[in-house]
Amino acid sequence: MAKEKTKTRKRAKTETKAVPKYSPNDYVVYPTHGVGKILGVEDQEVAGVRFEVFVISFEKDKMILRVPLDKADSTGMRELSTPNQMKAALKLLKGRARVRRTMWSRRAQEYEEKINSGDPMSIAEVIRDLHRNADQPDQSYSERQIYEAALERLSRELAAVEKTDEKTAVLRLEEVLKAA
């Protein structure tokens, strides 16, 4: 009998409706994937447990992600940056590159962590540190890959914040970098 009561309690807990923080057509940032568009909220059942999920489309990656409503905040999903936050990130790009003399593998790992954090300031740091002007030595293949990943991630968010396309956002970032 005791087991039956606990099952009933669990089921009652899972059936409570969470109030969505985001609405369909809102743009959100998912840390490891970047900017996505919420298509809607769906009910799903997995292993007998029912819950609601945000359905997020990452058009560039041709990917659909489903995030449980009650786990959205703990996954790091957030609203787009404000224009002021984006200005601060662009200002950071103008700063002087921080060159550290640690092993490349360790720096690469740190850069990947910053990109996957989803924080525009951290991503801007990666871009600033790995950017090379025409008069500077070439980058290694892995440096270039990380730089391009960071540039793409920040340009997608900049494009969504400024309601423009990604190419325009990339050009804007490159202009800021050249002016530095």
N, C-alpha and C. Protein backbone atom coordinates (compact mmCIF):
# COMPACT_ATOMS: atom_id res chain seq x y z
N MET A 1 0.81 -1.21 0.00
CA MET A 1 0.00 0.00 0.00
C MET A 1 0.85 1.27 0.00
N ALA A 2 1.94 1.28 0.73
CA ALA A 2 2.79 2.47 0.83
C ALA A 2 3.36 2.84 -0.53
N LYS A 3 3.71 1.83 -1.33
CA LYS A 3 4.27 2.11 -2.65
C LYS A 3 3.24 2.80 -3.54
N GLU A 4 1.99 2.39 -3.44
CA GLU A 4 0.94 2.97 -4.25
C GLU A 4 0.77 4.46 -3.97
N LYS A 5 0.86 4.85 -2.72
CA LYS A 5 0.70 6.25 -2.35
C LYS A 5 1.83 7.11 -2.93
N THR A 6 3.06 6.60 -2.90
CA THR A 6 4.17 7.39 -3.44
C THR A 6 4.04 7.57 -4.94
N LYS A 7 3.55 6.56 -5.63
CA LYS A 7 3.33 6.70 -7.07
C LYS A 7 2.31 7.80 -7.35
N THR A 8 1.25 7.83 -6.57
CA THR A 8 0.21 8.83 -6.76
C THR A 8 0.78 10.22 -6.52
N ARG A 9 1.61 10.38 -5.50
CA ARG A 9 2.21 11.68 -5.21
C ARG A 9 3.11 12.13 -6.36
N LYS A 10 3.92 11.22 -6.88
CA LYS A 10 4.81 11.57 -7.98
C LYS A 10 4.01 12.03 -9.19
N ARG A 11 2.97 11.29 -9.50
CA ARG A 11 2.17 11.63 -10.67
C ARG A 11 1.51 13.00 -10.49
N ALA A 12 1.03 13.28 -9.30
CA ALA A 12 0.40 14.57 -9.04
C ALA A 12 1.41 15.70 -9.22
N LYS A 13 2.66 15.47 -8.81
CA LYS A 13 3.69 16.50 -8.96
C LYS A 13 3.99 16.78 -10.43
N THR A 14 4.09 15.74 -11.24
CA THR A 14 4.46 15.92 -12.64
C THR A 14 3.34 16.55 -13.46
N GLU A 15 2.12 16.46 -12.98
CA GLU A 15 1.01 17.00 -13.75
C GLU A 15 0.76 18.48 -13.48
N THR A 16 1.47 19.08 -12.53
CA THR A 16 1.30 20.51 -12.30
C THR A 16 1.87 21.26 -13.50
N LYS A 17 1.16 22.24 -13.94
CA LYS A 17 1.56 22.99 -15.13
C LYS A 17 2.53 24.09 -14.76
N ALA A 18 3.66 24.12 -15.45
CA ALA A 18 4.63 25.20 -15.26
C ALA A 18 4.23 26.36 -16.17
N VAL A 19 4.44 27.56 -15.71
CA VAL A 19 4.12 28.73 -16.51
C VAL A 19 5.33 29.04 -17.40
N PRO A 20 5.16 28.97 -18.73
CA PRO A 20 6.29 29.23 -19.62
C PRO A 20 6.80 30.67 -19.47
N LYS A 21 8.10 30.79 -19.44
CA LYS A 21 8.75 32.10 -19.34
C LYS A 21 8.88 32.73 -20.73
N TYR A 22 8.90 31.89 -21.75
CA TYR A 22 9.09 32.33 -23.12
C TYR A 22 7.85 31.99 -23.94
N SER A 23 7.66 32.71 -25.01
CA SER A 23 6.50 32.50 -25.88
C SER A 23 6.95 32.02 -27.25
N PRO A 24 6.03 31.41 -28.02
CA PRO A 24 6.38 31.04 -29.39
C PRO A 24 6.88 32.26 -30.16
N ASN A 25 7.86 32.04 -31.02
CA ASN A 25 8.52 33.05 -31.85
C ASN A 25 9.53 33.91 -31.09
N ASP A 26 9.72 33.67 -29.79
CA ASP A 26 10.77 34.35 -29.04
C ASP A 26 12.11 33.74 -29.43
N TYR A 27 13.13 34.57 -29.48
CA TYR A 27 14.48 34.06 -29.67
C TYR A 27 15.12 33.87 -28.30
N VAL A 28 15.79 32.76 -28.13
CA VAL A 28 16.48 32.46 -26.88
C VAL A 28 17.90 32.01 -27.20
N VAL A 29 18.75 32.02 -26.19
CA VAL A 29 20.12 31.53 -26.35
C VAL A 29 20.25 30.27 -25.51
N TYR A 30 20.60 29.18 -26.18
CA TYR A 30 20.90 27.94 -25.48
C TYR A 30 22.43 27.83 -25.50
N PRO A 31 23.07 27.75 -24.33
CA PRO A 31 24.53 27.88 -24.24
C PRO A 31 25.35 27.10 -25.26
N THR A 32 25.06 25.84 -25.46
CA THR A 32 25.90 25.02 -26.33
C THR A 32 25.52 25.09 -27.81
N HIS A 33 24.39 25.75 -28.13
CA HIS A 33 23.95 25.81 -29.52
C HIS A 33 23.77 27.22 -30.06
N GLY A 34 23.69 28.21 -29.19
CA GLY A 34 23.52 29.58 -29.64
C GLY A 34 22.07 30.01 -29.72
N VAL A 35 21.76 30.86 -30.68
CA VAL A 35 20.44 31.47 -30.80
C VAL A 35 19.48 30.52 -31.50
N GLY A 36 18.33 30.33 -30.88
CA GLY A 36 17.28 29.50 -31.46
C GLY A 36 15.94 30.21 -31.32
N LYS A 37 14.97 29.74 -32.07
CA LYS A 37 13.63 30.34 -32.04
C LYS A 37 12.66 29.32 -31.43
N ILE A 38 11.89 29.78 -30.47
CA ILE A 38 10.91 28.89 -29.84
C ILE A 38 9.73 28.72 -30.79
N LEU A 39 9.47 27.47 -31.15
CA LEU A 39 8.35 27.18 -32.04
C LEU A 39 7.06 27.01 -31.26
N GLY A 40 7.18 26.55 -30.01
CA GLY A 40 6.00 26.35 -29.19
C GLY A 40 6.32 25.50 -27.98
N VAL A 41 5.25 25.09 -27.30
CA VAL A 41 5.36 24.23 -26.12
C VAL A 41 4.55 22.98 -26.42
N GLU A 42 5.14 21.81 -26.14
CA GLU A 42 4.47 20.53 -26.38
C GLU A 42 4.42 19.72 -25.09
N ASP A 43 3.41 18.85 -25.01
CA ASP A 43 3.36 17.86 -23.93
C ASP A 43 4.07 16.62 -24.43
N GLN A 44 4.92 16.02 -23.59
CA GLN A 44 5.59 14.78 -23.95
C GLN A 44 5.49 13.81 -22.80
N GLU A 45 5.58 12.54 -23.14
CA GLU A 45 5.59 11.50 -22.12
C GLU A 45 6.81 10.62 -22.37
N VAL A 46 7.64 10.50 -21.34
CA VAL A 46 8.83 9.66 -21.41
C VAL A 46 8.83 8.76 -20.19
N ALA A 47 8.91 7.46 -20.41
CA ALA A 47 8.93 6.48 -19.33
C ALA A 47 7.76 6.68 -18.37
N GLY A 48 6.60 7.00 -18.91
CA GLY A 48 5.40 7.14 -18.10
C GLY A 48 5.27 8.48 -17.38
N VAL A 49 6.23 9.36 -17.56
CA VAL A 49 6.17 10.67 -16.91
C VAL A 49 5.83 11.72 -17.97
N ARG A 50 4.82 12.52 -17.68
CA ARG A 50 4.40 13.58 -18.61
C ARG A 50 5.03 14.91 -18.19
N PHE A 51 5.48 15.66 -19.17
CA PHE A 51 6.00 16.99 -18.90
C PHE A 51 5.89 17.84 -20.15
N GLU A 52 6.01 19.15 -19.97
CA GLU A 52 5.94 20.08 -21.08
C GLU A 52 7.35 20.48 -21.49
N VAL A 53 7.54 20.67 -22.78
CA VAL A 53 8.86 21.04 -23.30
C VAL A 53 8.73 22.23 -24.25
N PHE A 54 9.77 23.07 -24.23
CA PHE A 54 9.90 24.10 -25.25
C PHE A 54 10.45 23.40 -26.49
N VAL A 55 9.92 23.72 -27.66
CA VAL A 55 10.45 23.22 -28.91
C VAL A 55 11.21 24.38 -29.54
N ILE A 56 12.53 24.21 -29.65
CA ILE A 56 13.39 25.29 -30.13
C ILE A 56 14.03 24.88 -31.45
N SER A 57 13.95 25.75 -32.43
CA SER A 57 14.54 25.49 -33.74
C SER A 57 15.83 26.28 -33.89
N PHE A 58 16.89 25.58 -34.29
CA PHE A 58 18.16 26.20 -34.63
C PHE A 58 18.29 26.04 -36.13
N GLU A 59 17.76 27.02 -36.86
CA GLU A 59 17.63 26.93 -38.30
C GLU A 59 18.97 26.69 -39.01
N LYS A 60 20.00 27.40 -38.61
CA LYS A 60 21.31 27.29 -39.26
C LYS A 60 21.86 25.87 -39.16
N ASP A 61 21.65 25.24 -37.99
CA ASP A 61 22.15 23.88 -37.77
C ASP A 61 21.14 22.81 -38.19
N LYS A 62 19.96 23.25 -38.65
CA LYS A 62 18.88 22.33 -39.03
C LYS A 62 18.61 21.34 -37.90
N MET A 63 18.35 21.92 -36.72
CA MET A 63 18.19 21.10 -35.52
C MET A 63 16.98 21.60 -34.72
N ILE A 64 16.28 20.65 -34.13
CA ILE A 64 15.18 20.96 -33.21
C ILE A 64 15.58 20.42 -31.85
N LEU A 65 15.44 21.25 -30.82
CA LEU A 65 15.79 20.86 -29.46
C LEU A 65 14.55 20.98 -28.60
N ARG A 66 14.35 20.00 -27.74
CA ARG A 66 13.23 20.04 -26.80
C ARG A 66 13.79 20.16 -25.39
N VAL A 67 13.40 21.22 -24.70
CA VAL A 67 13.90 21.49 -23.35
C VAL A 67 12.71 21.52 -22.39
N PRO A 68 12.72 20.67 -21.35
CA PRO A 68 11.63 20.71 -20.38
C PRO A 68 11.49 22.10 -19.76
N LEU A 69 10.26 22.57 -19.60
CA LEU A 69 10.01 23.89 -19.05
C LEU A 69 10.70 24.08 -17.71
N ASP A 70 10.61 23.07 -16.85
CA ASP A 70 11.18 23.21 -15.50
C ASP A 70 12.70 23.10 -15.47
N LYS A 71 13.31 22.71 -16.59
CA LYS A 71 14.78 22.60 -16.66
C LYS A 71 15.42 23.72 -17.49
N ALA A 72 14.62 24.59 -18.07
CA ALA A 72 15.14 25.62 -18.98
C ALA A 72 16.19 26.49 -18.29
N ASP A 73 15.88 26.96 -17.09
CA ASP A 73 16.84 27.84 -16.40
C ASP A 73 18.10 27.09 -15.99
N SER A 74 17.95 25.86 -15.52
CA SER A 74 19.13 25.11 -15.06
C SER A 74 20.05 24.70 -16.22
N THR A 75 19.52 24.65 -17.45
CA THR A 75 20.37 24.34 -18.60
C THR A 75 21.15 25.56 -19.07
N GLY A 76 20.77 26.73 -18.57
CA GLY A 76 21.45 27.96 -18.97
C GLY A 76 20.73 28.70 -20.08
N MET A 77 19.57 28.19 -20.50
CA MET A 77 18.81 28.87 -21.54
C MET A 77 18.42 30.26 -21.02
N ARG A 78 18.56 31.25 -21.89
CA ARG A 78 18.29 32.62 -21.47
C ARG A 78 17.71 33.43 -22.62
N GLU A 79 17.21 34.61 -22.26
CA GLU A 79 16.72 35.55 -23.27
C GLU A 79 17.91 36.12 -24.03
N LEU A 80 17.63 36.73 -25.17
CA LEU A 80 18.69 37.42 -25.91
C LEU A 80 19.28 38.52 -25.05
N SER A 81 20.50 38.88 -25.34
CA SER A 81 21.13 40.00 -24.65
C SER A 81 20.38 41.28 -24.99
N THR A 82 20.49 42.24 -24.11
CA THR A 82 19.91 43.55 -24.38
C THR A 82 20.87 44.31 -25.30
N PRO A 83 20.39 45.35 -25.95
CA PRO A 83 21.31 46.15 -26.78
C PRO A 83 22.51 46.68 -25.97
N ASN A 84 22.29 47.04 -24.72
CA ASN A 84 23.39 47.53 -23.88
C ASN A 84 24.41 46.44 -23.59
N GLN A 85 23.95 45.22 -23.36
CA GLN A 85 24.87 44.10 -23.14
C GLN A 85 25.69 43.83 -24.41
N MET A 86 25.04 43.95 -25.56
CA MET A 86 25.75 43.75 -26.82
C MET A 86 26.77 44.84 -27.05
N LYS A 87 26.44 46.09 -26.69
CA LYS A 87 27.40 47.19 -26.80
C LYS A 87 28.63 46.91 -25.96
N ALA A 88 28.41 46.39 -24.75
CA ALA A 88 29.53 46.08 -23.86
C ALA A 88 30.41 44.99 -24.47
N ALA A 89 29.79 44.00 -25.11
CA ALA A 89 30.55 42.92 -25.75
C ALA A 89 31.35 43.48 -26.93
N LEU A 90 30.75 44.38 -27.70
CA LEU A 90 31.46 45.00 -28.84
C LEU A 90 32.61 45.87 -28.35
N LYS A 91 32.39 46.54 -27.23
CA LYS A 91 33.46 47.37 -26.65
C LYS A 91 34.63 46.49 -26.21
N LEU A 92 34.32 45.30 -25.70
CA LEU A 92 35.35 44.36 -25.27
C LEU A 92 36.22 43.92 -26.46
N LEU A 93 35.61 43.84 -27.64
CA LEU A 93 36.35 43.46 -28.85
C LEU A 93 37.44 44.48 -29.18
N LYS A 94 37.22 45.72 -28.80
CA LYS A 94 38.18 46.79 -29.10
C LYS A 94 39.39 46.74 -28.19
N GLY A 95 39.29 45.99 -27.11
CA GLY A 95 40.38 45.93 -26.14
C GLY A 95 41.59 45.19 -26.67
N ARG A 96 42.62 45.20 -25.87
CA ARG A 96 43.88 44.56 -26.23
C ARG A 96 43.79 43.05 -25.97
N ALA A 97 44.25 42.26 -26.92
CA ALA A 97 44.22 40.79 -26.78
C ALA A 97 45.06 40.36 -25.58
N ARG A 98 44.51 39.45 -24.82
CA ARG A 98 45.23 38.90 -23.67
C ARG A 98 45.94 37.64 -24.13
N VAL A 99 47.24 37.70 -24.23
CA VAL A 99 48.01 36.55 -24.70
C VAL A 99 48.58 35.84 -23.48
N ARG A 100 48.19 34.60 -23.33
CA ARG A 100 48.70 33.81 -22.22
C ARG A 100 49.69 32.79 -22.75
N ARG A 101 50.66 32.50 -21.97
CA ARG A 101 51.72 31.59 -22.39
C ARG A 101 51.52 30.16 -21.89
N THR A 102 50.27 29.75 -21.76
CA THR A 102 50.01 28.37 -21.36
C THR A 102 49.97 27.50 -22.61
N MET A 103 49.94 26.22 -22.40
CA MET A 103 49.89 25.28 -23.54
C MET A 103 48.62 25.51 -24.35
N TRP A 104 48.73 25.34 -25.65
CA TRP A 104 47.59 25.57 -26.54
C TRP A 104 46.42 24.68 -26.17
N SER A 105 46.65 23.44 -25.82
CA SER A 105 45.53 22.53 -25.51
C SER A 105 44.71 23.06 -24.33
N ARG A 106 45.37 23.63 -23.35
CA ARG A 106 44.67 24.20 -22.18
C ARG A 106 43.90 25.46 -22.58
N ARG A 107 44.54 26.33 -23.36
CA ARG A 107 43.86 27.55 -23.82
C ARG A 107 42.66 27.19 -24.70
N ALA A 108 42.84 26.21 -25.58
CA ALA A 108 41.75 25.79 -26.47
C ALA A 108 40.56 25.29 -25.66
N GLN A 109 40.83 24.54 -24.62
CA GLN A 109 39.77 24.03 -23.75
C GLN A 109 39.04 25.20 -23.06
N GLU A 110 39.79 26.18 -22.59
CA GLU A 110 39.19 27.35 -21.96
C GLU A 110 38.34 28.15 -22.96
N TYR A 111 38.85 28.30 -24.17
CA TYR A 111 38.09 29.01 -25.20
C TYR A 111 36.78 28.28 -25.52
N GLU A 112 36.85 26.97 -25.64
CA GLU A 112 35.63 26.18 -25.91
C GLU A 112 34.61 26.35 -24.78
N GLU A 113 35.09 26.34 -23.55
CA GLU A 113 34.20 26.53 -22.40
C GLU A 113 33.53 27.90 -22.46
N LYS A 114 34.29 28.92 -22.83
CA LYS A 114 33.73 30.27 -22.92
C LYS A 114 32.68 30.35 -24.03
N ILE A 115 32.96 29.73 -25.16
CA ILE A 115 31.99 29.74 -26.26
C ILE A 115 30.72 29.02 -25.84
N ASN A 116 30.87 27.85 -25.21
CA ASN A 116 29.71 27.06 -24.81
C ASN A 116 28.99 27.60 -23.59
N SER A 117 29.55 28.63 -22.95
CA SER A 117 28.85 29.25 -21.82
C SER A 117 27.65 30.05 -22.31
N GLY A 118 27.73 30.51 -23.57
CA GLY A 118 26.65 31.30 -24.13
C GLY A 118 26.70 32.76 -23.72
N ASP A 119 27.66 33.15 -22.90
CA ASP A 119 27.78 34.52 -22.43
C ASP A 119 28.46 35.38 -23.50
N PRO A 120 27.79 36.44 -23.98
CA PRO A 120 28.38 37.24 -25.06
C PRO A 120 29.72 37.88 -24.69
N MET A 121 29.90 38.22 -23.43
CA MET A 121 31.17 38.82 -22.99
C MET A 121 32.30 37.79 -23.10
N SER A 122 32.05 36.57 -22.68
CA SER A 122 33.07 35.52 -22.76
C SER A 122 33.40 35.19 -24.21
N ILE A 123 32.38 35.15 -25.06
CA ILE A 123 32.59 34.86 -26.47
C ILE A 123 33.39 35.99 -27.12
N ALA A 124 33.08 37.23 -26.74
CA ALA A 124 33.82 38.38 -27.26
C ALA A 124 35.29 38.31 -26.86
N GLU A 125 35.57 37.83 -25.64
CA GLU A 125 36.96 37.66 -25.20
C GLU A 125 37.71 36.69 -26.11
N VAL A 126 37.05 35.59 -26.46
CA VAL A 126 37.67 34.60 -27.34
C VAL A 126 37.98 35.22 -28.71
N ILE A 127 37.01 35.94 -29.25
CA ILE A 127 37.20 36.58 -30.56
C ILE A 127 38.35 37.57 -30.49
N ARG A 128 38.34 38.41 -29.45
CA ARG A 128 39.40 39.41 -29.29
C ARG A 128 40.78 38.75 -29.19
N ASP A 129 40.88 37.69 -28.39
CA ASP A 129 42.18 37.05 -28.17
C ASP A 129 42.68 36.28 -29.39
N LEU A 130 41.78 35.77 -30.22
CA LEU A 130 42.21 34.97 -31.37
C LEU A 130 42.21 35.73 -32.70
N HIS A 131 41.71 36.96 -32.68
CA HIS A 131 41.67 37.75 -33.92
C HIS A 131 43.08 38.09 -34.39
N ARG A 132 43.30 37.96 -35.69
CA ARG A 132 44.59 38.31 -36.29
C ARG A 132 44.37 39.36 -37.38
N ASN A 133 45.12 40.45 -37.31
CA ASN A 133 45.10 41.46 -38.36
C ASN A 133 45.98 40.98 -39.52
N ALA A 134 45.93 41.71 -40.62
CA ALA A 134 46.69 41.32 -41.81
C ALA A 134 48.20 41.29 -41.56
N ASP A 135 48.69 42.14 -40.66
CA ASP A 135 50.12 42.21 -40.40
C ASP A 135 50.61 41.22 -39.34
N GLN A 136 49.70 40.41 -38.82
CA GLN A 136 50.08 39.45 -37.78
C GLN A 136 50.27 38.06 -38.36
N PRO A 137 51.01 37.20 -37.66
CA PRO A 137 51.25 35.85 -38.17
C PRO A 137 49.94 35.04 -38.30
N ASP A 138 50.01 34.04 -39.16
CA ASP A 138 48.84 33.20 -39.40
C ASP A 138 48.46 32.39 -38.17
N GLN A 139 47.20 31.98 -38.16
CA GLN A 139 46.69 31.14 -37.08
C GLN A 139 46.85 29.67 -37.47
N SER A 140 46.91 28.83 -36.44
CA SER A 140 46.88 27.40 -36.72
C SER A 140 45.45 27.02 -37.09
N TYR A 141 45.28 25.83 -37.61
CA TYR A 141 43.96 25.36 -38.01
C TYR A 141 43.00 25.37 -36.83
N SER A 142 43.43 24.87 -35.69
CA SER A 142 42.54 24.79 -34.53
C SER A 142 42.21 26.17 -33.97
N GLU A 143 43.17 27.10 -34.02
CA GLU A 143 42.89 28.48 -33.59
C GLU A 143 41.81 29.09 -34.49
N ARG A 144 41.97 28.86 -35.78
CA ARG A 144 41.01 29.41 -36.75
C ARG A 144 39.62 28.82 -36.53
N GLN A 145 39.54 27.52 -36.27
CA GLN A 145 38.25 26.87 -36.04
C GLN A 145 37.55 27.45 -34.81
N ILE A 146 38.29 27.64 -33.74
CA ILE A 146 37.70 28.19 -32.51
C ILE A 146 37.29 29.64 -32.73
N TYR A 147 38.12 30.40 -33.42
CA TYR A 147 37.81 31.80 -33.72
C TYR A 147 36.51 31.89 -34.52
N GLU A 148 36.41 31.07 -35.57
CA GLU A 148 35.21 31.11 -36.41
C GLU A 148 33.96 30.67 -35.66
N ALA A 149 34.10 29.69 -34.77
CA ALA A 149 32.96 29.24 -33.96
C ALA A 149 32.48 30.37 -33.05
N ALA A 150 33.43 31.08 -32.43
CA ALA A 150 33.08 32.20 -31.55
C ALA A 150 32.45 33.34 -32.35
N LEU A 151 33.03 33.65 -33.51
CA LEU A 151 32.51 34.73 -34.36
C LEU A 151 31.08 34.41 -34.81
N GLU A 152 30.86 33.17 -35.20
CA GLU A 152 29.53 32.76 -35.64
C GLU A 152 28.52 32.86 -34.50
N ARG A 153 28.90 32.39 -33.32
CA ARG A 153 27.99 32.40 -32.17
C ARG A 153 27.62 33.83 -31.79
N LEU A 154 28.60 34.73 -31.73
CA LEU A 154 28.32 36.12 -31.35
C LEU A 154 27.55 36.84 -32.46
N SER A 155 27.88 36.57 -33.71
CA SER A 155 27.19 37.25 -34.81
C SER A 155 25.72 36.84 -34.88
N ARG A 156 25.41 35.60 -34.56
CA ARG A 156 24.00 35.17 -34.55
C ARG A 156 23.21 35.93 -33.50
N GLU A 157 23.80 36.09 -32.32
CA GLU A 157 23.08 36.82 -31.28
C GLU A 157 22.99 38.30 -31.62
N LEU A 158 24.06 38.87 -32.16
CA LEU A 158 24.04 40.28 -32.57
C LEU A 158 22.96 40.50 -33.64
N ALA A 159 22.88 39.59 -34.59
CA ALA A 159 21.87 39.70 -35.65
C ALA A 159 20.45 39.65 -35.06
N ALA A 160 20.23 38.77 -34.10
CA ALA A 160 18.91 38.66 -33.49
C ALA A 160 18.58 39.90 -32.65
N VAL A 161 19.56 40.41 -31.93
CA VAL A 161 19.34 41.60 -31.10
C VAL A 161 19.06 42.82 -31.97
N GLU A 162 19.83 42.98 -33.05
CA GLU A 162 19.67 44.15 -33.92
C GLU A 162 18.67 43.92 -35.05
N LYS A 163 18.03 42.76 -35.06
CA LYS A 163 17.02 42.41 -36.07
C LYS A 163 17.56 42.62 -37.49
N THR A 164 18.71 42.00 -37.73
CA THR A 164 19.36 42.07 -39.04
C THR A 164 19.75 40.66 -39.44
N ASP A 165 20.44 40.51 -40.56
CA ASP A 165 20.87 39.17 -40.95
C ASP A 165 22.27 38.89 -40.41
N GLU A 166 22.65 37.64 -40.49
CA GLU A 166 23.93 37.21 -39.91
C GLU A 166 25.13 37.79 -40.66
N LYS A 167 25.04 37.92 -41.97
CA LYS A 167 26.16 38.49 -42.74
C LYS A 167 26.45 39.93 -42.31
N THR A 168 25.40 40.71 -42.13
CA THR A 168 25.56 42.09 -41.69
C THR A 168 26.20 42.13 -40.31
N ALA A 169 25.78 41.22 -39.44
CA ALA A 169 26.33 41.16 -38.08
C ALA A 169 27.82 40.79 -38.11
N VAL A 170 28.20 39.85 -38.97
CA VAL A 170 29.61 39.46 -39.09
C VAL A 170 30.43 40.66 -39.58
N LEU A 171 29.92 41.37 -40.58
CA LEU A 171 30.62 42.55 -41.10
C LEU A 171 30.80 43.60 -40.01
N ARG A 172 29.76 43.76 -39.19
CA ARG A 172 29.85 44.74 -38.10
C ARG A 172 30.92 44.32 -37.10
N LEU A 173 30.97 43.05 -36.75
CA LEU A 173 31.99 42.57 -35.81
C LEU A 173 33.39 42.75 -36.40
N GLU A 174 33.55 42.44 -37.68
CA GLU A 174 34.86 42.60 -38.31
C GLU A 174 35.29 44.05 -38.37
N GLU A 175 34.33 44.98 -38.58
CA GLU A 175 34.66 46.41 -38.57
C GLU A 175 35.17 46.83 -37.19
N VAL A 176 34.50 46.36 -36.16
CA VAL A 176 34.92 46.69 -34.79
C VAL A 176 36.32 46.16 -34.53
N LEU A 177 36.59 44.95 -34.98
CA LEU A 177 37.90 44.35 -34.78
C LEU A 177 39.00 45.10 -35.53
N LYS A 178 38.70 45.55 -36.75
CA LYS A 178 39.68 46.29 -37.55
C LYS A 178 39.98 47.65 -36.92
N ALA A 179 38.96 48.25 -36.34
CA ALA A 179 39.12 49.56 -35.74
C ALA A 179 39.93 49.51 -34.43
N ALA A 180 40.04 48.33 -33.86
CA ALA A 180 40.74 48.20 -32.57
C ALA A 180 42.23 48.39 -32.71
